[in-house]
């Protein structure tokens, strides 16, 4: 059965370093997400935008994630 994918707007998530847990020694991360990112946006532009946005935050940038979703439709 053939299937087509209908892409939804993507989500850009910035993971920010909020310090270290004194008991476990693990890194504490906070997430900030931005919705409705166009699926066609280039990875370079998204990463540059994430760095610019992180510069406005008090916490330091740990990682950047792009989450893509699609609706699958049978043809």
PDB file of N, CA and C in Angstrom:
ATOM      1  N   UNK A   1       0.846  -1.175   0.000  1.00  0.00           N
ATOM      2  CA  UNK A   1       0.000   0.000   0.000  1.00  0.00           C
ATOM      3  C   UNK A   1       0.896   1.245   0.000  1.00  0.00           C
ATOM      4  N   UNK A   2       0.790   2.111  -1.018  1.00  0.00           N
ATOM      5  CA  UNK A   2       1.581   3.342  -1.067  1.00  0.00           C
ATOM      6  C   UNK A   2       1.148   4.339   0.016  1.00  0.00           C
ATOM      7  N   UNK A   3       2.121   5.060   0.551  1.00  0.00           N
ATOM      8  CA  UNK A   3       1.855   6.031   1.614  1.00  0.00           C
ATOM      9  C   UNK A   3       2.584   7.330   1.295  1.00  0.00           C
ATOM     10  N   UNK A   4       1.906   8.426   1.492  1.00  0.00           N
ATOM     11  CA  UNK A   4       2.513   9.758   1.369  1.00  0.00           C
ATOM     12  C   UNK A   4       2.653  10.384   2.741  1.00  0.00           C
ATOM     13  N   UNK A   5       3.623  11.285   2.883  1.00  0.00           N
ATOM     14  CA  UNK A   5       3.826  12.003   4.141  1.00  0.00           C
ATOM     15  C   UNK A   5       3.473  13.469   3.940  1.00  0.00           C
ATOM     16  N   UNK A   6       2.633  13.985   4.822  1.00  0.00           N
ATOM     17  CA  UNK A   6       2.257  15.395   4.825  1.00  0.00           C
ATOM     18  C   UNK A   6       2.980  16.051   6.006  1.00  0.00           C
ATOM     19  N   UNK A   7       4.061  16.830   5.745  1.00  0.00           N
ATOM     20  CA  UNK A   7       4.843  17.363   6.868  1.00  0.00           C
ATOM     21  C   UNK A   7       4.092  18.439   7.650  1.00  0.00           C
ATOM     22  N   UNK A   8       4.273  18.393   8.968  1.00  0.00           N
ATOM     23  CA  UNK A   8       3.765  19.420   9.868  1.00  0.00           C
ATOM     24  C   UNK A   8       4.901  20.396  10.165  1.00  0.00           C
ATOM     25  N   UNK A   9       4.599  21.577  10.671  1.00  0.00           N
ATOM     26  CA  UNK A   9       5.676  22.472  11.091  1.00  0.00           C
ATOM     27  C   UNK A   9       6.557  21.807  12.152  1.00  0.00           C
ATOM     28  N   UNK A  10       7.850  22.094  12.080  1.00  0.00           N
ATOM     29  CA  UNK A  10       8.810  21.485  12.995  1.00  0.00           C
ATOM     30  C   UNK A  10       8.873  22.249  14.308  1.00  0.00           C
ATOM     31  N   UNK A  11       9.626  21.676  15.264  1.00  0.00           N
ATOM     32  CA  UNK A  11       9.852  22.328  16.558  1.00  0.00           C
ATOM     33  C   UNK A  11      11.366  22.413  16.774  1.00  0.00           C
ATOM     34  N   UNK A  12      11.826  23.565  17.239  1.00  0.00           N
ATOM     35  CA  UNK A  12      13.224  23.778  17.569  1.00  0.00           C
ATOM     36  C   UNK A  12      13.329  23.831  19.087  1.00  0.00           C
ATOM     37  N   UNK A  13      14.152  22.947  19.659  1.00  0.00           N
ATOM     38  CA  UNK A  13      14.303  22.882  21.110  1.00  0.00           C
ATOM     39  C   UNK A  13      15.741  23.198  21.485  1.00  0.00           C
ATOM     40  N   UNK A  14      15.898  24.154  22.397  1.00  0.00           N
ATOM     41  CA  UNK A  14      17.200  24.489  22.946  1.00  0.00           C
ATOM     42  C   UNK A  14      17.311  23.846  24.313  1.00  0.00           C
ATOM     43  N   UNK A  15      18.343  23.060  24.537  1.00  0.00           N
ATOM     44  CA  UNK A  15      18.629  22.482  25.852  1.00  0.00           C
ATOM     45  C   UNK A  15      19.685  23.371  26.490  1.00  0.00           C
ATOM     46  N   UNK A  16      19.364  23.875  27.681  1.00  0.00           N
ATOM     47  CA  UNK A  16      20.238  24.826  28.371  1.00  0.00           C
ATOM     48  C   UNK A  16      20.822  24.195  29.630  1.00  0.00           C
ATOM     49  N   UNK A  17      22.091  24.469  29.886  1.00  0.00           N
ATOM     50  CA  UNK A  17      22.790  23.943  31.052  1.00  0.00           C
ATOM     51  C   UNK A  17      22.436  24.796  32.259  1.00  0.00           C
ATOM     52  N   UNK A  18      21.763  24.182  33.237  1.00  0.00           N
ATOM     53  CA  UNK A  18      21.335  24.900  34.442  1.00  0.00           C
ATOM     54  C   UNK A  18      22.225  24.558  35.636  1.00  0.00           C
ATOM     55  N   UNK A  19      23.387  23.941  35.389  1.00  0.00           N
ATOM     56  CA  UNK A  19      24.303  23.626  36.476  1.00  0.00           C
ATOM     57  C   UNK A  19      24.408  22.132  36.704  1.00  0.00           C
ATOM     58  N   UNK A  20      24.937  21.785  37.872  1.00  0.00           N
ATOM     59  CA  UNK A  20      25.172  20.390  38.219  1.00  0.00           C
ATOM     60  C   UNK A  20      24.439  20.061  39.514  1.00  0.00           C
ATOM     61  N   UNK A  21      23.801  18.903  39.545  1.00  0.00           N
ATOM     62  CA  UNK A  21      23.136  18.430  40.755  1.00  0.00           C
ATOM     63  C   UNK A  21      24.217  18.081  41.775  1.00  0.00           C
ATOM     64  N   UNK A  22      24.184  18.720  42.956  1.00  0.00           N
ATOM     65  CA  UNK A  22      25.243  18.487  43.938  1.00  0.00           C
ATOM     66  C   UNK A  22      25.269  17.053  44.482  1.00  0.00           C
ATOM     67  N   UNK A  23      24.156  16.378  44.478  1.00  0.00           N
ATOM     68  CA  UNK A  23      24.107  15.018  45.022  1.00  0.00           C
ATOM     69  C   UNK A  23      24.572  13.965  44.016  1.00  0.00           C
ATOM     70  N   UNK A  24      24.081  14.070  42.777  1.00  0.00           N
ATOM     71  CA  UNK A  24      24.400  13.046  41.785  1.00  0.00           C
ATOM     72  C   UNK A  24      25.551  13.448  40.862  1.00  0.00           C
ATOM     73  N   UNK A  25      25.842  14.735  40.774  1.00  0.00           N
ATOM     74  CA  UNK A  25      26.884  15.205  39.868  1.00  0.00           C
ATOM     75  C   UNK A  25      26.450  15.276  38.421  1.00  0.00           C
ATOM     76  N   UNK A  26      25.167  15.025  38.159  1.00  0.00           N
ATOM     77  CA  UNK A  26      24.642  15.054  36.789  1.00  0.00           C
ATOM     78  C   UNK A  26      24.307  16.482  36.371  1.00  0.00           C
ATOM     79  N   UNK A  27      24.409  16.721  35.071  1.00  0.00           N
ATOM     80  CA  UNK A  27      24.076  18.031  34.518  1.00  0.00           C
ATOM     81  C   UNK A  27      22.566  18.238  34.563  1.00  0.00           C
ATOM     82  N   UNK A  28      22.143  19.410  35.016  1.00  0.00           N
ATOM     83  CA  UNK A  28      20.725  19.781  35.038  1.00  0.00           C
ATOM     84  C   UNK A  28      20.440  20.541  33.750  1.00  0.00           C
ATOM     85  N   UNK A  29      19.468  20.077  32.981  1.00  0.00           N
ATOM     86  CA  UNK A  29      19.117  20.711  31.718  1.00  0.00           C
ATOM     87  C   UNK A  29      17.712  21.295  31.779  1.00  0.00           C
ATOM     88  N   UNK A  30      17.553  22.420  31.159  1.00  0.00           N
ATOM     89  CA  UNK A  30      16.247  23.053  30.978  1.00  0.00           C
ATOM     90  C   UNK A  30      16.003  23.149  29.474  1.00  0.00           C
ATOM     91  N   UNK A  31      14.758  22.988  29.053  1.00  0.00           N
ATOM     92  CA  UNK A  31      14.416  23.029  27.631  1.00  0.00           C
ATOM     93  C   UNK A  31      13.527  24.228  27.326  1.00  0.00           C
ATOM     94  N   UNK A  32      13.823  24.863  26.203  1.00  0.00           N
ATOM     95  CA  UNK A  32      12.988  25.936  25.671  1.00  0.00           C
ATOM     96  C   UNK A  32      12.664  25.547  24.234  1.00  0.00           C
ATOM     97  N   UNK A  33      11.373  25.480  23.892  1.00  0.00           N
ATOM     98  CA  UNK A  33      10.971  25.043  22.552  1.00  0.00           C
ATOM     99  C   UNK A  33      10.276  26.165  21.802  1.00  0.00           C
ATOM    100  N   UNK A  34      10.492  26.165  20.504  1.00  0.00           N
ATOM    101  CA  UNK A  34       9.853  27.112  19.593  1.00  0.00           C
ATOM    102  C   UNK A  34       9.119  26.291  18.549  1.00  0.00           C
ATOM    103  N   UNK A  35       7.817  26.507  18.424  1.00  0.00           N
ATOM    104  CA  UNK A  35       6.965  25.736  17.520  1.00  0.00           C
ATOM    105  C   UNK A  35       6.795  26.437  16.184  1.00  0.00           C
ATOM    106  N   UNK A  36       6.205  25.721  15.257  1.00  0.00           N
ATOM    107  CA  UNK A  36       5.848  26.223  13.928  1.00  0.00           C
ATOM    108  C   UNK A  36       7.057  26.638  13.097  1.00  0.00           C
ATOM    109  N   UNK A  37       8.140  25.867  13.209  1.00  0.00           N
ATOM    110  CA  UNK A  37       9.315  26.086  12.372  1.00  0.00           C
ATOM    111  C   UNK A  37       9.043  25.417  11.027  1.00  0.00           C
ATOM    112  N   UNK A  38       9.299  26.120   9.955  1.00  0.00           N
ATOM    113  CA  UNK A  38       9.046  25.553   8.634  1.00  0.00           C
ATOM    114  C   UNK A  38       9.930  24.337   8.385  1.00  0.00           C
ATOM    115  N   UNK A  39       9.364  23.243   7.884  1.00  0.00           N
ATOM    116  CA  UNK A  39      10.168  22.051   7.610  1.00  0.00           C
ATOM    117  C   UNK A  39      11.285  22.318   6.590  1.00  0.00           C
ATOM    118  N   UNK A  40      11.117  23.323   5.742  1.00  0.00           N
ATOM    119  CA  UNK A  40      12.099  23.629   4.707  1.00  0.00           C
ATOM    120  C   UNK A  40      13.277  24.471   5.213  1.00  0.00           C
ATOM    121  N   UNK A  41      13.224  24.942   6.454  1.00  0.00           N
ATOM    122  CA  UNK A  41      14.304  25.779   6.993  1.00  0.00           C
ATOM    123  C   UNK A  41      15.608  24.984   7.007  1.00  0.00           C
ATOM    124  N   UNK A  42      16.705  25.619   6.598  1.00  0.00           N
ATOM    125  CA  UNK A  42      17.986  24.908   6.543  1.00  0.00           C
ATOM    126  C   UNK A  42      18.523  24.666   7.952  1.00  0.00           C
ATOM    127  N   UNK A  43      19.269  23.596   8.098  1.00  0.00           N
ATOM    128  CA  UNK A  43      19.844  23.262   9.396  1.00  0.00           C
ATOM    129  C   UNK A  43      20.832  24.328   9.860  1.00  0.00           C
ATOM    130  N   UNK A  44      21.566  24.913   8.928  1.00  0.00           N
ATOM    131  CA  UNK A  44      22.520  25.967   9.270  1.00  0.00           C
ATOM    132  C   UNK A  44      21.810  27.191   9.830  1.00  0.00           C
ATOM    133  N   UNK A  45      20.701  27.580   9.189  1.00  0.00           N
ATOM    134  CA  UNK A  45      19.928  28.732   9.664  1.00  0.00           C
ATOM    135  C   UNK A  45      19.313  28.460  11.030  1.00  0.00           C
ATOM    136  N   UNK A  46      18.801  27.251  11.233  1.00  0.00           N
ATOM    137  CA  UNK A  46      18.214  26.915  12.525  1.00  0.00           C
ATOM    138  C   UNK A  46      19.262  26.938  13.635  1.00  0.00           C
ATOM    139  N   UNK A  47      20.442  26.405  13.351  1.00  0.00           N
ATOM    140  CA  UNK A  47      21.493  26.380  14.368  1.00  0.00           C
ATOM    141  C   UNK A  47      21.962  27.799  14.699  1.00  0.00           C
ATOM    142  N   UNK A  48      22.118  28.629  13.673  1.00  0.00           N
ATOM    143  CA  UNK A  48      22.518  30.020  13.900  1.00  0.00           C
ATOM    144  C   UNK A  48      21.460  30.763  14.712  1.00  0.00           C
ATOM    145  N   UNK A  49      20.190  30.521  14.406  1.00  0.00           N
ATOM    146  CA  UNK A  49      19.103  31.140  15.154  1.00  0.00           C
ATOM    147  C   UNK A  49      19.104  30.671  16.597  1.00  0.00           C
ATOM    148  N   UNK A  50      19.344  29.378  16.805  1.00  0.00           N
ATOM    149  CA  UNK A  50      19.400  28.835  18.165  1.00  0.00           C
ATOM    150  C   UNK A  50      20.532  29.492  18.960  1.00  0.00           C
ATOM    151  N   UNK A  51      21.684  29.682  18.343  1.00  0.00           N
ATOM    152  CA  UNK A  51      22.799  30.340  19.022  1.00  0.00           C
ATOM    153  C   UNK A  51      22.454  31.787  19.364  1.00  0.00           C
ATOM    154  N   UNK A  52      21.794  32.474  18.449  1.00  0.00           N
ATOM    155  CA  UNK A  52      21.379  33.856  18.708  1.00  0.00           C
ATOM    156  C   UNK A  52      20.388  33.922  19.866  1.00  0.00           C
ATOM    157  N   UNK A  53      19.406  33.013  19.862  1.00  0.00           N
ATOM    158  CA  UNK A  53      18.417  32.989  20.939  1.00  0.00           C
ATOM    159  C   UNK A  53      19.069  32.636  22.280  1.00  0.00           C
ATOM    160  N   UNK A  54      20.000  31.703  22.259  1.00  0.00           N
ATOM    161  CA  UNK A  54      20.688  31.300  23.495  1.00  0.00           C
ATOM    162  C   UNK A  54      21.489  32.464  24.068  1.00  0.00           C
ATOM    163  N   UNK A  55      21.974  33.343  23.206  1.00  0.00           N
ATOM    164  CA  UNK A  55      22.704  34.518  23.667  1.00  0.00           C
ATOM    165  C   UNK A  55      21.834  35.469  24.479  1.00  0.00           C
ATOM    166  N   UNK A  56      20.530  35.362  24.331  1.00  0.00           N
ATOM    167  CA  UNK A  56      19.598  36.211  25.074  1.00  0.00           C
ATOM    168  C   UNK A  56      19.194  35.590  26.414  1.00  0.00           C
ATOM    169  N   UNK A  57      19.627  34.355  26.659  1.00  0.00           N
ATOM    170  CA  UNK A  57      19.220  33.634  27.868  1.00  0.00           C
ATOM    171  C   UNK A  57      20.331  33.678  28.910  1.00  0.00           C
ATOM    172  N   UNK A  58      19.941  33.497  30.160  1.00  0.00           N
ATOM    173  CA  UNK A  58      20.922  33.496  31.247  1.00  0.00           C
ATOM    174  C   UNK A  58      21.740  32.210  31.279  1.00  0.00           C
ATOM    175  N   UNK A  59      21.150  31.089  30.880  1.00  0.00           N
ATOM    176  CA  UNK A  59      21.827  29.798  30.919  1.00  0.00           C
ATOM    177  C   UNK A  59      22.601  29.574  29.626  1.00  0.00           C
ATOM    178  N   UNK A  60      23.619  28.715  29.676  1.00  0.00           N
ATOM    179  CA  UNK A  60      24.418  28.443  28.480  1.00  0.00           C
ATOM    180  C   UNK A  60      23.794  27.320  27.657  1.00  0.00           C
ATOM    181  N   UNK A  61      24.005  27.393  26.361  1.00  0.00           N
ATOM    182  CA  UNK A  61      23.445  26.413  25.427  1.00  0.00           C
ATOM    183  C   UNK A  61      24.186  25.085  25.563  1.00  0.00           C
ATOM    184  N   UNK A  62      23.432  24.007  25.718  1.00  0.00           N
ATOM    185  CA  UNK A  62      23.987  22.657  25.836  1.00  0.00           C
ATOM    186  C   UNK A  62      23.833  21.901  24.514  1.00  0.00           C
ATOM    187  N   UNK A  63      22.628  21.963  23.921  1.00  0.00           N
ATOM    188  CA  UNK A  63      22.391  21.293  22.642  1.00  0.00           C
ATOM    189  C   UNK A  63      21.191  21.913  21.938  1.00  0.00           C
ATOM    190  N   UNK A  64      21.076  21.606  20.651  1.00  0.00           N
ATOM    191  CA  UNK A  64      19.972  22.095  19.820  1.00  0.00           C
ATOM    192  C   UNK A  64      19.328  20.886  19.154  1.00  0.00           C
ATOM    193  N   UNK A  65      17.994  20.831  19.179  1.00  0.00           N
ATOM    194  CA  UNK A  65      17.260  19.726  18.560  1.00  0.00           C
ATOM    195  C   UNK A  65      16.225  20.278  17.589  1.00  0.00           C
ATOM    196  N   UNK A  66      16.092  19.616  16.459  1.00  0.00           N
ATOM    197  CA  UNK A  66      15.009  19.909  15.524  1.00  0.00           C
ATOM    198  C   UNK A  66      14.120  18.679  15.488  1.00  0.00           C
ATOM    199  N   UNK A  67      12.846  18.869  15.798  1.00  0.00           N
ATOM    200  CA  UNK A  67      11.896  17.752  15.838  1.00  0.00           C
ATOM    201  C   UNK A  67      10.938  17.912  14.653  1.00  0.00           C
ATOM    202  N   UNK A  68      10.955  16.914  13.763  1.00  0.00           N
ATOM    203  CA  UNK A  68      10.078  16.922  12.586  1.00  0.00           C
ATOM    204  C   UNK A  68       8.945  15.924  12.790  1.00  0.00           C
ATOM    205  N   UNK A  69       7.755  16.307  12.335  1.00  0.00           N
ATOM    206  CA  UNK A  69       6.598  15.420  12.390  1.00  0.00           C
ATOM    207  C   UNK A  69       5.913  15.410  11.027  1.00  0.00           C
ATOM    208  N   UNK A  70       5.304  14.297  10.716  1.00  0.00           N
ATOM    209  CA  UNK A  70       4.544  14.169   9.458  1.00  0.00           C
ATOM    210  C   UNK A  70       3.304  13.335   9.707  1.00  0.00           C
ATOM    211  N   UNK A  71       2.270  13.642   8.944  1.00  0.00           N
ATOM    212  CA  UNK A  71       1.066  12.800   8.932  1.00  0.00           C
ATOM    213  C   UNK A  71       1.215  11.828   7.769  1.00  0.00           C
ATOM    214  N   UNK A  72       1.041  10.557   8.036  1.00  0.00           N
ATOM    215  CA  UNK A  72       1.136   9.538   7.003  1.00  0.00           C
ATOM    216  C   UNK A  72      -0.249   9.234   6.459  1.00  0.00           C
ATOM    217  N   UNK A  73      -0.365   9.290   5.127  1.00  0.00           N
ATOM    218  CA  UNK A  73      -1.656   9.095   4.476  1.00  0.00           C
ATOM    219  C   UNK A  73      -1.536   7.986   3.431  1.00  0.00           C
ATOM    220  N   UNK A  74      -2.489   7.077   3.427  1.00  0.00           N
ATOM    221  CA  UNK A  74      -2.494   6.054   2.374  1.00  0.00           C
ATOM    222  C   UNK A  74      -3.016   6.673   1.084  1.00  0.00           C
ATOM    223  N   UNK A  75      -2.461   6.246  -0.014  1.00  0.00           N
ATOM    224  CA  UNK A  75      -2.825   6.803  -1.315  1.00  0.00           C
ATOM    225  C   UNK A  75      -3.807   5.887  -2.005  1.00  0.00           C
TER     226      UNK A  75
END
